[in-house]
Amino acid sequence: MKRKHLLSVTKKDFDIQTFRAGGKGGQHQNKTDSAVRIIHRDSGAVGLSRNDRSQHRNKKLALERLVKTSKFKLWINRRVHEIEVGETIEAQVEKEMNPNNLKIEFRENDKWILKE
């Protein structure tokens, strides 16, 4: 089965912040901006890494952690659904809440009766 390309996430979709990691590791870790925080703007998901002395490895780890977050996975699933169906979940709910689609029932003498 051939896969089709639904959406792409680029570097422009993220805020990449570097800062000093602090803690154990001595002077090198305290003086360099080796820790990395990556924030996906649309979903609000955050990936953080300060384990390594290298900023490049920390970027890779932070991105891997961001992709594994439930916020990011939920955002991906919603985007895929919007693309496949052609409308957002909110628009579908709004369409179903249209007065023409609503049915009103009431209970009388232990029986549900549809109001016409």
C-alpha atoms as a PDB file:
ATOM      1  CA  MET A   1       0.000   0.000   0.000  1.00  0.00           C
ATOM      2  CA  LYS A   2       1.407   3.351  -1.014  1.00  0.00           C
ATOM      3  CA  ARG A   3       1.503   6.109   1.583  1.00  0.00           C
ATOM      4  CA  LYS A   4       0.348   9.582   0.704  1.00  0.00           C
ATOM      5  CA  HIS A   5       1.755  12.790   2.115  1.00  0.00           C
ATOM      6  CA  LEU A   6      -0.913  14.511   4.242  1.00  0.00           C
ATOM      7  CA  LEU A   7       0.920  17.317   6.028  1.00  0.00           C
ATOM      8  CA  SER A   8       4.378  18.556   6.808  1.00  0.00           C
ATOM      9  CA  VAL A   9       5.819  20.109   9.926  1.00  0.00           C
ATOM     10  CA  THR A  10       8.817  22.361   9.330  1.00  0.00           C
ATOM     11  CA  LYS A  11      11.323  24.185  11.486  1.00  0.00           C
ATOM     12  CA  LYS A  12       9.228  27.351  11.066  1.00  0.00           C
ATOM     13  CA  ASP A  13       6.422  25.736  13.107  1.00  0.00           C
ATOM     14  CA  PHE A  14       8.610  25.553  16.229  1.00  0.00           C
ATOM     15  CA  ASP A  15      10.140  27.988  18.692  1.00  0.00           C
ATOM     16  CA  ILE A  16      13.629  26.771  19.570  1.00  0.00           C
ATOM     17  CA  GLN A  17      15.079  28.216  22.762  1.00  0.00           C
ATOM     18  CA  THR A  18      18.528  27.601  24.198  1.00  0.00           C
ATOM     19  CA  PHE A  19      19.557  28.273  27.769  1.00  0.00           C
ATOM     20  CA  ARG A  20      22.148  27.326  30.362  1.00  0.00           C
ATOM     21  CA  ALA A  21      21.477  23.914  31.809  1.00  0.00           C
ATOM     22  CA  GLY A  22      23.113  24.428  35.205  1.00  0.00           C
ATOM     23  CA  GLY A  23      23.471  21.661  37.758  1.00  0.00           C
ATOM     24  CA  LYS A  24      26.166  18.998  37.611  1.00  0.00           C
ATOM     25  CA  GLY A  25      28.697  19.185  34.819  1.00  0.00           C
ATOM     26  CA  GLY A  26      31.006  21.900  35.987  1.00  0.00           C
ATOM     27  CA  GLN A  27      32.036  25.178  34.445  1.00  0.00           C
ATOM     28  CA  HIS A  28      31.484  24.101  30.824  1.00  0.00           C
ATOM     29  CA  GLN A  29      27.818  23.295  31.400  1.00  0.00           C
ATOM     30  CA  ASN A  30      27.259  26.448  33.448  1.00  0.00           C
ATOM     31  CA  LYS A  31      28.793  28.798  30.853  1.00  0.00           C
ATOM     32  CA  THR A  32      27.354  27.450  27.598  1.00  0.00           C
ATOM     33  CA  ASP A  33      23.788  27.498  26.289  1.00  0.00           C
ATOM     34  CA  SER A  34      23.585  23.743  25.780  1.00  0.00           C
ATOM     35  CA  ALA A  35      20.056  23.037  27.059  1.00  0.00           C
ATOM     36  CA  VAL A  36      17.263  23.204  24.463  1.00  0.00           C
ATOM     37  CA  ARG A  37      13.517  23.765  24.716  1.00  0.00           C
ATOM     38  CA  ILE A  38      11.419  23.270  21.578  1.00  0.00           C
ATOM     39  CA  ILE A  39       7.808  24.480  21.512  1.00  0.00           C
ATOM     40  CA  HIS A  40       5.346  23.617  18.751  1.00  0.00           C
ATOM     41  CA  ARG A  41       3.236  26.772  18.323  1.00  0.00           C
ATOM     42  CA  ASP A  42       0.038  25.182  17.006  1.00  0.00           C
ATOM     43  CA  SER A  43      -0.280  22.371  19.552  1.00  0.00           C
ATOM     44  CA  GLY A  44       1.532  23.918  22.506  1.00  0.00           C
ATOM     45  CA  ALA A  45       3.611  20.753  22.956  1.00  0.00           C
ATOM     46  CA  VAL A  46       7.018  21.197  24.589  1.00  0.00           C
ATOM     47  CA  GLY A  47      10.178  19.112  24.309  1.00  0.00           C
ATOM     48  CA  LEU A  48      13.090  19.773  26.666  1.00  0.00           C
ATOM     49  CA  SER A  49      16.586  18.338  26.901  1.00  0.00           C
ATOM     50  CA  ARG A  50      19.503  19.315  29.090  1.00  0.00           C
ATOM     51  CA  ASN A  51      21.155  15.928  29.516  1.00  0.00           C
ATOM     52  CA  ASP A  52      23.989  16.252  27.018  1.00  0.00           C
ATOM     53  CA  ARG A  53      26.847  18.736  26.856  1.00  0.00           C
ATOM     54  CA  SER A  54      26.225  19.205  23.133  1.00  0.00           C
ATOM     55  CA  GLN A  55      23.498  21.597  21.995  1.00  0.00           C
ATOM     56  CA  HIS A  56      23.038  19.639  18.744  1.00  0.00           C
ATOM     57  CA  ARG A  57      22.346  16.361  20.550  1.00  0.00           C
ATOM     58  CA  ASN A  58      20.043  18.173  22.973  1.00  0.00           C
ATOM     59  CA  LYS A  59      18.062  19.599  20.014  1.00  0.00           C
ATOM     60  CA  LYS A  60      17.601  16.114  18.624  1.00  0.00           C
ATOM     61  CA  LEU A  61      16.527  14.729  22.010  1.00  0.00           C
ATOM     62  CA  ALA A  62      14.150  17.641  22.648  1.00  0.00           C
ATOM     63  CA  LEU A  63      12.478  17.136  19.258  1.00  0.00           C
ATOM     64  CA  GLU A  64      12.117  13.393  19.901  1.00  0.00           C
ATOM     65  CA  ARG A  65      10.516  14.124  23.276  1.00  0.00           C
ATOM     66  CA  LEU A  66       8.179  16.721  21.759  1.00  0.00           C
ATOM     67  CA  VAL A  67       6.956  14.275  19.105  1.00  0.00           C
ATOM     68  CA  LYS A  68       6.154  11.698  21.814  1.00  0.00           C
ATOM     69  CA  THR A  69       3.953  14.074  23.854  1.00  0.00           C
ATOM     70  CA  SER A  70       0.210  13.479  23.951  1.00  0.00           C
ATOM     71  CA  LYS A  71      -0.479  17.121  22.977  1.00  0.00           C
ATOM     72  CA  PHE A  72       1.463  16.769  19.744  1.00  0.00           C
ATOM     73  CA  LYS A  73      -0.076  13.374  18.917  1.00  0.00           C
ATOM     74  CA  LEU A  74      -3.563  14.800  19.482  1.00  0.00           C
ATOM     75  CA  TRP A  75      -2.770  17.780  17.221  1.00  0.00           C
ATOM     76  CA  ILE A  76      -1.496  15.441  14.475  1.00  0.00           C
ATOM     77  CA  ASN A  77      -4.617  13.259  14.714  1.00  0.00           C
ATOM     78  CA  ARG A  78      -6.906  16.297  14.493  1.00  0.00           C
ATOM     79  CA  ARG A  79      -5.045  17.715  11.491  1.00  0.00           C
ATOM     80  CA  VAL A  80      -5.188  14.359   9.677  1.00  0.00           C
ATOM     81  CA  HIS A  81      -8.919  14.124  10.425  1.00  0.00           C
ATOM     82  CA  GLU A  82      -9.493  17.669   9.108  1.00  0.00           C
ATOM     83  CA  ILE A  83      -7.603  16.867   5.920  1.00  0.00           C
ATOM     84  CA  GLU A  84      -9.348  13.536   5.298  1.00  0.00           C
ATOM     85  CA  VAL A  85     -12.890  14.687   6.148  1.00  0.00           C
ATOM     86  CA  GLY A  86     -12.542  18.226   4.848  1.00  0.00           C
ATOM     87  CA  GLU A  87     -13.858  20.023   7.924  1.00  0.00           C
ATOM     88  CA  THR A  88     -12.867  20.527  11.529  1.00  0.00           C
ATOM     89  CA  ILE A  89     -14.391  18.640  14.433  1.00  0.00           C
ATOM     90  CA  GLU A  90     -15.886  21.913  15.668  1.00  0.00           C
ATOM     91  CA  ALA A  91     -17.595  22.456  12.298  1.00  0.00           C
ATOM     92  CA  GLN A  92     -19.021  18.926  12.387  1.00  0.00           C
ATOM     93  CA  VAL A  93     -20.444  19.493  15.881  1.00  0.00           C
ATOM     94  CA  GLU A  94     -21.919  22.814  14.756  1.00  0.00           C
ATOM     95  CA  LYS A  95     -23.567  21.100  11.786  1.00  0.00           C
ATOM     96  CA  GLU A  96     -25.073  18.403  14.015  1.00  0.00           C
ATOM     97  CA  MET A  97     -26.374  21.064  16.442  1.00  0.00           C
ATOM     98  CA  ASN A  98     -28.423  22.623  13.643  1.00  0.00           C
ATOM     99  CA  PRO A  99     -32.075  22.859  14.810  1.00  0.00           C
ATOM    100  CA  ASN A 100     -33.170  20.822  11.772  1.00  0.00           C
ATOM    101  CA  ASN A 101     -31.064  17.882  12.966  1.00  0.00           C
ATOM    102  CA  LEU A 102     -32.111  17.974  16.622  1.00  0.00           C
ATOM    103  CA  LYS A 103     -34.801  15.660  17.921  1.00  0.00           C
ATOM    104  CA  ILE A 104     -36.544  16.444  21.190  1.00  0.00           C
ATOM    105  CA  GLU A 105     -37.829  13.588  23.302  1.00  0.00           C
ATOM    106  CA  PHE A 106     -39.649  13.700  26.591  1.00  0.00           C
ATOM    107  CA  ARG A 107     -40.636  11.041  29.061  1.00  0.00           C
ATOM    108  CA  GLU A 108     -44.267  10.422  29.884  1.00  0.00           C
ATOM    109  CA  ASN A 109     -45.594   7.449  31.866  1.00  0.00           C
ATOM    110  CA  ASP A 110     -42.221   5.656  31.687  1.00  0.00           C
ATOM    111  CA  LYS A 111     -42.104   5.938  27.890  1.00  0.00           C
ATOM    112  CA  TRP A 112     -40.000   8.184  25.683  1.00  0.00           C
ATOM    113  CA  ILE A 113     -42.092  10.197  23.245  1.00  0.00           C
ATOM    114  CA  LEU A 114     -40.637  12.103  20.300  1.00  0.00           C
ATOM    115  CA  LYS A 115     -41.852  15.684  20.166  1.00  0.00           C
ATOM    116  CA  GLU A 116     -42.922  16.606  16.646  1.00  0.00           C
END
